[in-house]
PDB file of all heavy atoms in Angstrom:
ATOM      1  N   ASP A   1      91.720 144.081 -24.100  1.00  0.00           N
ATOM      2  CA  ASP A   1      92.954 144.801 -24.404  1.00  0.00           C
ATOM      3  C   ASP A   1      93.241 145.729 -23.233  1.00  0.00           C
ATOM      4  O   ASP A   1      92.856 146.890 -23.212  1.00  0.00           O
ATOM      5  CB  ASP A   1      92.792 145.597 -25.699  1.00  0.00           C
ATOM      6  CG  ASP A   1      94.094 146.239 -26.161  1.00  0.00           C
ATOM      7  OD1 ASP A   1      95.059 146.274 -25.368  1.00  0.00           O
ATOM      8  OD2 ASP A   1      94.143 146.722 -27.310  1.00  0.00           O
ATOM      9  N   TYR A   2      93.948 145.210 -22.228  1.00  0.00           N
ATOM     10  CA  TYR A   2      94.119 145.942 -20.986  1.00  0.00           C
ATOM     11  C   TYR A   2      94.995 147.179 -21.134  1.00  0.00           C
ATOM     12  O   TYR A   2      94.945 148.068 -20.285  1.00  0.00           O
ATOM     13  CB  TYR A   2      94.691 145.013 -19.915  1.00  0.00           C
ATOM     14  CG  TYR A   2      93.714 143.967 -19.437  1.00  0.00           C
ATOM     15  CD1 TYR A   2      94.028 142.614 -19.486  1.00  0.00           C
ATOM     16  CD2 TYR A   2      92.470 144.334 -18.936  1.00  0.00           C
ATOM     17  CE1 TYR A   2      93.125 141.656 -19.042  1.00  0.00           C
ATOM     18  CE2 TYR A   2      91.563 143.382 -18.499  1.00  0.00           C
ATOM     19  CZ  TYR A   2      91.903 142.045 -18.549  1.00  0.00           C
ATOM     20  OH  TYR A   2      91.005 141.103 -18.115  1.00  0.00           O
ATOM     21  N   GLY A   3      95.790 147.242 -22.184  1.00  0.00           N
ATOM     22  CA  GLY A   3      96.529 148.473 -22.432  1.00  0.00           C
ATOM     23  C   GLY A   3      95.594 149.645 -22.657  1.00  0.00           C
ATOM     24  O   GLY A   3      95.880 150.781 -22.240  1.00  0.00           O
ATOM     25  N   VAL A   4      94.462 149.393 -23.299  1.00  0.00           N
ATOM     26  CA  VAL A   4      93.428 150.422 -23.491  1.00  0.00           C
ATOM     27  C   VAL A   4      92.653 150.627 -22.188  1.00  0.00           C
ATOM     28  O   VAL A   4      92.397 151.752 -21.762  1.00  0.00           O
ATOM     29  CB  VAL A   4      92.477 150.019 -24.633  1.00  0.00           C
ATOM     30  CG1 VAL A   4      91.313 150.998 -24.734  1.00  0.00           C
ATOM     31  CG2 VAL A   4      93.237 149.952 -25.956  1.00  0.00           C
ATOM     32  N   TRP A   5      92.280 149.533 -21.539  1.00  0.00           N
ATOM     33  CA  TRP A   5      91.508 149.606 -20.296  1.00  0.00           C
ATOM     34  C   TRP A   5      92.254 150.376 -19.212  1.00  0.00           C
ATOM     35  O   TRP A   5      91.636 151.067 -18.388  1.00  0.00           O
ATOM     36  CB  TRP A   5      91.214 148.197 -19.787  1.00  0.00           C
ATOM     37  CG  TRP A   5      90.174 147.430 -20.530  1.00  0.00           C
ATOM     38  CD1 TRP A   5      90.099 147.238 -21.871  1.00  0.00           C
ATOM     39  CD2 TRP A   5      89.070 146.711 -19.970  1.00  0.00           C
ATOM     40  NE1 TRP A   5      89.021 146.439 -22.180  1.00  0.00           N
ATOM     41  CE2 TRP A   5      88.375 146.108 -21.035  1.00  0.00           C
ATOM     42  CE3 TRP A   5      88.627 146.513 -18.676  1.00  0.00           C
ATOM     43  CZ2 TRP A   5      87.242 145.330 -20.839  1.00  0.00           C
ATOM     44  CZ3 TRP A   5      87.499 145.731 -18.470  1.00  0.00           C
ATOM     45  CH2 TRP A   5      86.810 145.149 -19.545  1.00  0.00           C
ATOM     46  N   ALA A   6      93.586 150.256 -19.178  1.00  0.00           N
ATOM     47  CA  ALA A   6      94.359 150.874 -18.098  1.00  0.00           C
ATOM     48  C   ALA A   6      94.184 152.378 -18.047  1.00  0.00           C
ATOM     49  O   ALA A   6      94.336 152.989 -16.984  1.00  0.00           O
ATOM     50  CB  ALA A   6      95.836 150.513 -18.248  1.00  0.00           C
ATOM     51  N   ARG A   7      93.853 152.981 -19.176  1.00  0.00           N
ATOM     52  CA  ARG A   7      93.640 154.437 -19.209  1.00  0.00           C
ATOM     53  C   ARG A   7      92.299 154.834 -18.617  1.00  0.00           C
ATOM     54  O   ARG A   7      92.035 156.021 -18.432  1.00  0.00           O
ATOM     55  CB  ARG A   7      93.759 154.939 -20.655  1.00  0.00           C
ATOM     56  CG  ARG A   7      95.123 154.702 -21.274  1.00  0.00           C
ATOM     57  CD  ARG A   7      95.295 155.458 -22.579  1.00  0.00           C
ATOM     58  NE  ARG A   7      94.493 154.933 -23.668  1.00  0.00           N
ATOM     59  CZ  ARG A   7      94.906 154.000 -24.524  1.00  0.00           C
ATOM     60  NH1 ARG A   7      96.117 153.472 -24.400  1.00  0.00           N
ATOM     61  NH2 ARG A   7      94.131 153.576 -25.505  1.00  0.00           N
ATOM     62  N   GLU A   8      91.450 153.859 -18.337  1.00  0.00           N
ATOM     63  CA  GLU A   8      90.094 154.153 -17.881  1.00  0.00           C
ATOM     64  C   GLU A   8      89.867 153.819 -16.401  1.00  0.00           C
ATOM     65  O   GLU A   8      88.768 154.040 -15.900  1.00  0.00           O
ATOM     66  CB  GLU A   8      89.084 153.367 -18.737  1.00  0.00           C
ATOM     67  CG  GLU A   8      89.211 153.596 -20.236  1.00  0.00           C
ATOM     68  CD  GLU A   8      88.913 155.027 -20.651  1.00  0.00           C
ATOM     69  OE1 GLU A   8      88.361 155.781 -19.834  1.00  0.00           O
ATOM     70  OE2 GLU A   8      89.246 155.390 -21.794  1.00  0.00           O
ATOM     71  N   VAL A   9      90.852 153.268 -15.721  1.00  0.00           N
ATOM     72  CA  VAL A   9      90.711 152.963 -14.295  1.00  0.00           C
ATOM     73  C   VAL A   9      91.539 153.951 -13.497  1.00  0.00           C
ATOM     74  O   VAL A   9      92.556 154.463 -13.966  1.00  0.00           O
ATOM     75  CB  VAL A   9      91.147 151.517 -13.979  1.00  0.00           C
ATOM     76  CG1 VAL A   9      90.234 150.519 -14.676  1.00  0.00           C
ATOM     77  CG2 VAL A   9      92.603 151.274 -14.359  1.00  0.00           C
ATOM     78  N   ASP A  10      91.102 154.218 -12.278  1.00  0.00           N
ATOM     79  CA  ASP A  10      91.837 155.147 -11.425  1.00  0.00           C
ATOM     80  C   ASP A  10      93.013 154.472 -10.733  1.00  0.00           C
ATOM     81  O   ASP A  10      94.000 155.121 -10.408  1.00  0.00           O
ATOM     82  CB  ASP A  10      90.887 155.761 -10.391  1.00  0.00           C
ATOM     83  CG  ASP A  10      89.772 156.548 -11.051  1.00  0.00           C
ATOM     84  OD1 ASP A  10      90.071 157.320 -11.983  1.00  0.00           O
ATOM     85  OD2 ASP A  10      88.602 156.376 -10.670  1.00  0.00           O
ATOM     86  N   ILE A  11      92.914 153.188 -10.505  1.00  0.00           N
ATOM     87  CA  ILE A  11      94.019 152.373 -10.015  1.00  0.00           C
ATOM     88  C   ILE A  11      94.055 151.111 -10.871  1.00  0.00           C
ATOM     89  O   ILE A  11      93.054 150.402 -10.971  1.00  0.00           O
ATOM     90  CB  ILE A  11      93.833 151.983  -8.531  1.00  0.00           C
ATOM     91  CG1 ILE A  11      93.838 153.227  -7.637  1.00  0.00           C
ATOM     92  CG2 ILE A  11      94.913 151.010  -8.090  1.00  0.00           C
ATOM     93  CD1 ILE A  11      93.505 152.932  -6.185  1.00  0.00           C
ATOM     94  N   VAL A  12      95.175 150.851 -11.512  1.00  0.00           N
ATOM     95  CA  VAL A  12      95.319 149.610 -12.262  1.00  0.00           C
ATOM     96  C   VAL A  12      95.417 148.460 -11.262  1.00  0.00           C
ATOM     97  O   VAL A  12      96.216 148.503 -10.322  1.00  0.00           O
ATOM     98  CB  VAL A  12      96.558 149.657 -13.167  1.00  0.00           C
ATOM     99  CG1 VAL A  12      96.797 148.303 -13.827  1.00  0.00           C
ATOM    100  CG2 VAL A  12      96.407 150.745 -14.229  1.00  0.00           C
ATOM    101  N   ALA A  13      94.576 147.444 -11.443  1.00  0.00           N
ATOM    102  CA  ALA A  13      94.540 146.306 -10.522  1.00  0.00           C
ATOM    103  C   ALA A  13      94.563 145.009 -11.327  1.00  0.00           C
ATOM    104  O   ALA A  13      93.996 144.937 -12.422  1.00  0.00           O
ATOM    105  CB  ALA A  13      93.286 146.360  -9.648  1.00  0.00           C
ATOM    106  N   ASN A  14      95.196 143.994 -10.766  1.00  0.00           N
ATOM    107  CA  ASN A  14      95.362 142.751 -11.511  1.00  0.00           C
ATOM    108  C   ASN A  14      95.155 141.535 -10.632  1.00  0.00           C
ATOM    109  O   ASN A  14      95.430 141.548  -9.435  1.00  0.00           O
ATOM    110  CB  ASN A  14      96.777 142.683 -12.110  1.00  0.00           C
ATOM    111  CG  ASN A  14      96.913 141.588 -13.145  1.00  0.00           C
ATOM    112  OD1 ASN A  14      96.093 141.498 -14.058  1.00  0.00           O
ATOM    113  ND2 ASN A  14      97.927 140.756 -13.026  1.00  0.00           N
ATOM    114  N   ASP A  15      94.650 140.453 -11.251  1.00  0.00           N
ATOM    115  CA  ASP A  15      94.612 139.129 -10.642  1.00  0.00           C
ATOM    116  C   ASP A  15      95.684 138.284 -11.310  1.00  0.00           C
ATOM    117  O   ASP A  15      95.791 138.271 -12.554  1.00  0.00           O
ATOM    118  CB  ASP A  15      93.255 138.455 -10.855  1.00  0.00           C
ATOM    119  CG  ASP A  15      92.120 139.181 -10.150  1.00  0.00           C
ATOM    120  OD1 ASP A  15      92.388 140.145  -9.403  1.00  0.00           O
ATOM    121  OD2 ASP A  15      90.955 138.791 -10.365  1.00  0.00           O
ATOM    122  N   HIS A  16      96.481 137.576 -10.524  1.00  0.00           N
ATOM    123  CA  HIS A  16      97.507 136.719 -11.116  1.00  0.00           C
ATOM    124  C   HIS A  16      97.603 135.418 -10.338  1.00  0.00           C
ATOM    125  O   HIS A  16      97.747 135.419  -9.111  1.00  0.00           O
ATOM    126  CB  HIS A  16      98.877 137.393 -11.136  1.00  0.00           C
ATOM    127  CG  HIS A  16      99.888 136.577 -11.886  1.00  0.00           C
ATOM    128  ND1 HIS A  16     100.606 135.554 -11.290  1.00  0.00           N
ATOM    129  CD2 HIS A  16     100.261 136.589 -13.191  1.00  0.00           C
ATOM    130  CE1 HIS A  16     101.372 134.985 -12.198  1.00  0.00           C
ATOM    131  NE2 HIS A  16     101.186 135.595 -13.356  1.00  0.00           N
ATOM    132  N   TYR A  17      97.539 134.301 -11.079  1.00  0.00           N
ATOM    133  CA  TYR A  17      97.676 132.973 -10.482  1.00  0.00           C
ATOM    134  C   TYR A  17      98.758 132.195 -11.224  1.00  0.00           C
ATOM    135  O   TYR A  17      98.793 132.200 -12.458  1.00  0.00           O
ATOM    136  CB  TYR A  17      96.345 132.216 -10.536  1.00  0.00           C
ATOM    137  CG  TYR A  17      95.288 132.847  -9.666  1.00  0.00           C
ATOM    138  CD1 TYR A  17      94.356 133.736 -10.187  1.00  0.00           C
ATOM    139  CD2 TYR A  17      95.255 132.585  -8.294  1.00  0.00           C
ATOM    140  CE1 TYR A  17      93.408 134.342  -9.383  1.00  0.00           C
ATOM    141  CE2 TYR A  17      94.305 133.180  -7.481  1.00  0.00           C
ATOM    142  CZ  TYR A  17      93.385 134.056  -8.022  1.00  0.00           C
ATOM    143  OH  TYR A  17      92.451 134.656  -7.216  1.00  0.00           O
ATOM    144  N   THR A  18      99.638 131.567 -10.484  1.00  0.00           N
ATOM    145  CA  THR A  18     100.693 130.777 -11.100  1.00  0.00           C
ATOM    146  C   THR A  18     100.168 129.393 -11.500  1.00  0.00           C
ATOM    147  O   THR A  18      99.145 128.936 -11.000  1.00  0.00           O
ATOM    148  CB  THR A  18     101.887 130.613 -10.138  1.00  0.00           C
ATOM    149  OG1 THR A  18     101.423 130.043  -8.906  1.00  0.00           O
ATOM    150  CG2 THR A  18     102.535 131.955  -9.854  1.00  0.00           C
ATOM    151  N   ILE A  19     100.887 128.741 -12.392  1.00  0.00           N
ATOM    152  CA  ILE A  19     100.507 127.427 -12.901  1.00  0.00           C
ATOM    153  C   ILE A  19     101.367 126.378 -12.215  1.00  0.00           C
ATOM    154  O   ILE A  19     102.590 126.316 -12.408  1.00  0.00           O
ATOM    155  CB  ILE A  19     100.690 127.352 -14.427  1.00  0.00           C
ATOM    156  CG1 ILE A  19      99.899 128.480 -15.106  1.00  0.00           C
ATOM    157  CG2 ILE A  19     100.252 125.985 -14.947  1.00  0.00           C
ATOM    158  CD1 ILE A  19      98.413 128.453 -14.844  1.00  0.00           C
ATOM    159  N   ALA A  20     100.733 125.549 -11.399  1.00  0.00           N
ATOM    160  CA  ALA A  20     101.469 124.610 -10.549  1.00  0.00           C
ATOM    161  C   ALA A  20     102.358 123.667 -11.355  1.00  0.00           C
ATOM    162  O   ALA A  20     103.436 123.279 -10.891  1.00  0.00           O
ATOM    163  CB  ALA A  20     100.484 123.818  -9.692  1.00  0.00           C
ATOM    164  N   ALA A  21     101.934 123.279 -12.558  1.00  0.00           N
ATOM    165  CA  ALA A  21     102.693 122.317 -13.350  1.00  0.00           C
ATOM    166  C   ALA A  21     103.944 122.920 -13.974  1.00  0.00           C
ATOM    167  O   ALA A  21     104.789 122.186 -14.499  1.00  0.00           O
ATOM    168  CB  ALA A  21     101.798 121.736 -14.448  1.00  0.00           C
ATOM    169  N   ASP A  22     104.085 124.231 -13.929  1.00  0.00           N
ATOM    170  CA  ASP A  22     105.236 124.915 -14.516  1.00  0.00           C
ATOM    171  C   ASP A  22     106.324 125.048 -13.454  1.00  0.00           C
ATOM    172  O   ASP A  22     106.161 125.775 -12.474  1.00  0.00           O
ATOM    173  CB  ASP A  22     104.813 126.300 -15.013  1.00  0.00           C
ATOM    174  CG  ASP A  22     105.953 127.052 -15.683  1.00  0.00           C
ATOM    175  OD1 ASP A  22     107.089 126.546 -15.704  1.00  0.00           O
ATOM    176  OD2 ASP A  22     105.707 128.176 -16.179  1.00  0.00           O
ATOM    177  N   PRO A  23     107.457 124.346 -13.608  1.00  0.00           N
ATOM    178  CA  PRO A  23     108.491 124.419 -12.565  1.00  0.00           C
ATOM    179  C   PRO A  23     109.116 125.806 -12.439  1.00  0.00           C
ATOM    180  O   PRO A  23     109.719 126.116 -11.402  1.00  0.00           O
ATOM    181  CB  PRO A  23     109.525 123.376 -13.026  1.00  0.00           C
ATOM    182  CG  PRO A  23     109.304 123.233 -14.492  1.00  0.00           C
ATOM    183  CD  PRO A  23     107.836 123.456 -14.711  1.00  0.00           C
ATOM    184  N   ARG A  24     108.990 126.645 -13.460  1.00  0.00           N
ATOM    185  CA  ARG A  24     109.503 128.022 -13.405  1.00  0.00           C
ATOM    186  C   ARG A  24     108.342 129.013 -13.519  1.00  0.00           C
ATOM    187  O   ARG A  24     108.377 129.965 -14.284  1.00  0.00           O
ATOM    188  CB  ARG A  24     110.549 128.244 -14.503  1.00  0.00           C
ATOM    189  CG  ARG A  24     111.837 127.470 -14.229  1.00  0.00           C
ATOM    190  CD  ARG A  24     112.919 127.718 -15.257  1.00  0.00           C
ATOM    191  NE  ARG A  24     113.224 129.119 -15.467  1.00  0.00           N
ATOM    192  CZ  ARG A  24     113.917 129.893 -14.603  1.00  0.00           C
ATOM    193  NH1 ARG A  24     114.352 129.367 -13.462  1.00  0.00           N
ATOM    194  NH2 ARG A  24     114.163 131.143 -14.875  1.00  0.00           N
ATOM    195  N   ARG A  25     107.319 128.759 -12.708  1.00  0.00           N
ATOM    196  CA  ARG A  25     106.104 129.567 -12.790  1.00  0.00           C
ATOM    197  C   ARG A  25     106.335 131.022 -12.378  1.00  0.00           C
ATOM    198  O   ARG A  25     105.566 131.899 -12.764  1.00  0.00           O
ATOM    199  CB  ARG A  25     104.995 128.946 -11.950  1.00  0.00           C
ATOM    200  CG  ARG A  25     105.397 128.511 -10.563  1.00  0.00           C
ATOM    201  CD  ARG A  25     104.356 127.582  -9.950  1.00  0.00           C
ATOM    202  NE  ARG A  25     104.797 126.977  -8.699  1.00  0.00           N
ATOM    203  CZ  ARG A  25     105.470 125.837  -8.628  1.00  0.00           C
ATOM    204  NH1 ARG A  25     105.777 125.187  -9.735  1.00  0.00           N
ATOM    205  NH2 ARG A  25     105.828 125.340  -7.459  1.00  0.00           N
ATOM    206  N   HIS A  26     107.388 131.280 -11.620  1.00  0.00           N
ATOM    207  CA  HIS A  26     107.690 132.667 -11.258  1.00  0.00           C
ATOM    208  C   HIS A  26     108.078 133.501 -12.466  1.00  0.00           C
ATOM    209  O   HIS A  26     108.023 134.728 -12.418  1.00  0.00           O
ATOM    210  CB  HIS A  26     108.815 132.709 -10.217  1.00  0.00           C
ATOM    211  CG  HIS A  26     110.114 132.147 -10.715  1.00  0.00           C
ATOM    212  ND1 HIS A  26     110.408 130.808 -10.649  1.00  0.00           N
ATOM    213  CD2 HIS A  26     111.186 132.747 -11.288  1.00  0.00           C
ATOM    214  CE1 HIS A  26     111.619 130.607 -11.157  1.00  0.00           C
ATOM    215  NE2 HIS A  26     112.106 131.762 -11.560  1.00  0.00           N
ATOM    216  N   VAL A  27     108.481 132.838 -13.565  1.00  0.00           N
ATOM    217  CA  VAL A  27     108.859 133.575 -14.778  1.00  0.00           C
ATOM    218  C   VAL A  27     107.651 134.310 -15.345  1.00  0.00           C
ATOM    219  O   VAL A  27     107.736 135.490 -15.713  1.00  0.00           O
ATOM    220  CB  VAL A  27     109.459 132.610 -15.823  1.00  0.00           C
ATOM    221  CG1 VAL A  27     109.659 133.324 -17.163  1.00  0.00           C
ATOM    222  CG2 VAL A  27     110.776 132.040 -15.315  1.00  0.00           C
ATOM    223  N   ASP A  28     106.514 133.613 -15.416  1.00  0.00           N
ATOM    224  CA  ASP A  28     105.312 134.285 -15.909  1.00  0.00           C
ATOM    225  C   ASP A  28     104.879 135.383 -14.953  1.00  0.00           C
ATOM    226  O   ASP A  28     104.407 136.437 -15.390  1.00  0.00           O
ATOM    227  CB  ASP A  28     104.164 133.296 -16.093  1.00  0.00           C
ATOM    228  CG  ASP A  28     102.881 134.002 -16.524  1.00  0.00           C
ATOM    229  OD1 ASP A  28     102.830 134.447 -17.673  1.00  0.00           O
ATOM    230  OD2 ASP A  28     101.974 134.139 -15.680  1.00  0.00           O
ATOM    231  N   LEU A  29     105.023 135.150 -13.645  1.00  0.00           N
ATOM    232  CA  LEU A  29     104.654 136.182 -12.675  1.00  0.00           C
ATOM    233  C   LEU A  29     105.431 137.471 -12.944  1.00  0.00           C
ATOM    234  O   LEU A  29     104.851 138.559 -13.014  1.00  0.00           O
ATOM    235  CB  LEU A  29     104.926 135.673 -11.255  1.00  0.00           C
ATOM    236  CG  LEU A  29     104.444 136.525 -10.073  1.00  0.00           C
ATOM    237  CD1 LEU A  29     104.322 135.662  -8.825  1.00  0.00           C
ATOM    238  CD2 LEU A  29     105.359 137.698  -9.787  1.00  0.00           C
ATOM    239  N   SER A  30     106.748 137.369 -13.108  1.00  0.00           N
ATOM    240  CA  SER A  30     107.569 138.553 -13.336  1.00  0.00           C
ATOM    241  C   SER A  30     107.226 139.225 -14.662  1.00  0.00           C
ATOM    242  O   SER A  30     107.133 140.451 -14.746  1.00  0.00           O
ATOM    243  CB  SER A  30     109.053 138.175 -13.309  1.00  0.00           C
ATOM    244  OG  SER A  30     109.412 137.653 -12.045  1.00  0.00           O
ATOM    245  N   PHE A  31     107.038 138.407 -15.701  1.00  0.00           N
ATOM    246  CA  PHE A  31     106.690 138.951 -17.013  1.00  0.00           C
ATOM    247  C   PHE A  31     105.346 139.673 -16.953  1.00  0.00           C
ATOM    248  O   PHE A  31     105.198 140.797 -17.457  1.00  0.00           O
ATOM    249  CB  PHE A  31     106.643 137.823 -18.041  1.00  0.00           C
ATOM    250  CG  PHE A  31     106.335 138.267 -19.440  1.00  0.00           C
ATOM    251  CD1 PHE A  31     107.314 138.844 -20.228  1.00  0.00           C
ATOM    252  CD2 PHE A  31     105.063 138.109 -19.983  1.00  0.00           C
ATOM    253  CE1 PHE A  31     107.027 139.264 -21.531  1.00  0.00           C
ATOM    254  CE2 PHE A  31     104.768 138.518 -21.266  1.00  0.00           C
ATOM    255  CZ  PHE A  31     105.765 139.100 -22.048  1.00  0.00           C
ATOM    256  N   SER A  32     104.349 139.054 -16.317  1.00  0.00           N
ATOM    257  CA  SER A  32     103.026 139.659 -16.223  1.00  0.00           C
ATOM    258  C   SER A  32     103.062 140.944 -15.396  1.00  0.00           C
ATOM    259  O   SER A  32     102.411 141.936 -15.745  1.00  0.00           O
ATOM    260  CB  SER A  32     102.030 138.669 -15.605  1.00  0.00           C
ATOM    261  OG  SER A  32     101.894 137.519 -16.415  1.00  0.00           O
ATOM    262  N   ALA A  33     103.810 140.932 -14.291  1.00  0.00           N
ATOM    263  CA  ALA A  33     103.904 142.132 -13.460  1.00  0.00           C
ATOM    264  C   ALA A  33     104.568 143.276 -14.214  1.00  0.00           C
ATOM    265  O   ALA A  33     104.165 144.441 -14.081  1.00  0.00           O
ATOM    266  CB  ALA A  33     104.674 141.821 -12.183  1.00  0.00           C
ATOM    267  N   ASP A  34     105.580 142.967 -15.018  1.00  0.00           N
ATOM    268  CA  ASP A  34     106.217 144.022 -15.809  1.00  0.00           C
ATOM    269  C   ASP A  34     105.296 144.523 -16.913  1.00  0.00           C
ATOM    270  O   ASP A  34     105.319 145.710 -17.263  1.00  0.00           O
ATOM    271  CB  ASP A  34     107.532 143.512 -16.398  1.00  0.00           C
ATOM    272  CG  ASP A  34     108.676 143.563 -15.400  1.00  0.00           C
ATOM    273  OD1 ASP A  34     108.480 144.112 -14.300  1.00  0.00           O
ATOM    274  OD2 ASP A  34     109.767 143.055 -15.708  1.00  0.00           O
ATOM    275  N   ARG A  35     104.487 143.628 -17.478  1.00  0.00           N
ATOM    276  CA  ARG A  35     103.474 144.088 -18.438  1.00  0.00           C
ATOM    277  C   ARG A  35     102.518 145.075 -17.771  1.00  0.00           C
ATOM    278  O   ARG A  35     102.178 146.122 -18.338  1.00  0.00           O
ATOM    279  CB  ARG A  35     102.665 142.908 -18.983  1.00  0.00           C
ATOM    280  CG  ARG A  35     103.313 142.131 -20.108  1.00  0.00           C
ATOM    281  CD  ARG A  35     102.347 141.088 -20.658  1.00  0.00           C
ATOM    282  NE  ARG A  35     101.182 141.703 -21.263  1.00  0.00           N
ATOM    283  CZ  ARG A  35     100.013 141.100 -21.442  1.00  0.00           C
ATOM    284  NH1 ARG A  35      99.849 139.858 -21.016  1.00  0.00           N
ATOM    285  NH2 ARG A  35      99.014 141.735 -22.012  1.00  0.00           N
ATOM    286  N   LEU A  36     102.100 144.726 -16.559  1.00  0.00           N
ATOM    287  CA  LEU A  36     101.152 145.576 -15.861  1.00  0.00           C
ATOM    288  C   LEU A  36     101.765 146.929 -15.533  1.00  0.00           C
ATOM    289  O   LEU A  36     101.111 147.959 -15.627  1.00  0.00           O
ATOM    290  CB  LEU A  36     100.670 144.880 -14.588  1.00  0.00           C
ATOM    291  CG  LEU A  36      99.288 145.331 -14.132  1.00  0.00           C
ATOM    292  CD1 LEU A  36      98.208 144.770 -15.034  1.00  0.00           C
ATOM    293  CD2 LEU A  36      99.025 144.944 -12.702  1.00  0.00           C
ATOM    294  N   ARG A  37     103.058 146.913 -15.122  1.00  0.00           N
ATOM    295  CA  ARG A  37     103.719 148.182 -14.827  1.00  0.00           C
ATOM    296  C   ARG A  37     103.765 149.082 -16.064  1.00  0.00           C
ATOM    297  O   ARG A  37     103.596 150.304 -15.960  1.00  0.00           O
ATOM    298  CB  ARG A  37     105.136 147.921 -14.313  1.00  0.00           C
ATOM    299  CG  ARG A  37     105.842 149.194 -13.867  1.00  0.00           C
ATOM    300  CD  ARG A  37     107.205 148.936 -13.260  1.00  0.00           C
ATOM    301  NE  ARG A  37     108.219 148.596 -14.244  1.00  0.00           N
ATOM    302  CZ  ARG A  37     108.779 147.406 -14.402  1.00  0.00           C
ATOM    303  NH1 ARG A  37     108.404 146.403 -13.629  1.00  0.00           N
ATOM    304  NH2 ARG A  37     109.701 147.193 -15.317  1.00  0.00           N
TER     305      ARG A  37
END
């Protein structure tokens, strides 16, 4: 539950990999980045 974890790190850091088979894989990238923000 990274929403809880985020309060315990000094810098929030993320790994993100796109899914090659998804022709609109940038959609998940944007959604995930906004979740992280």
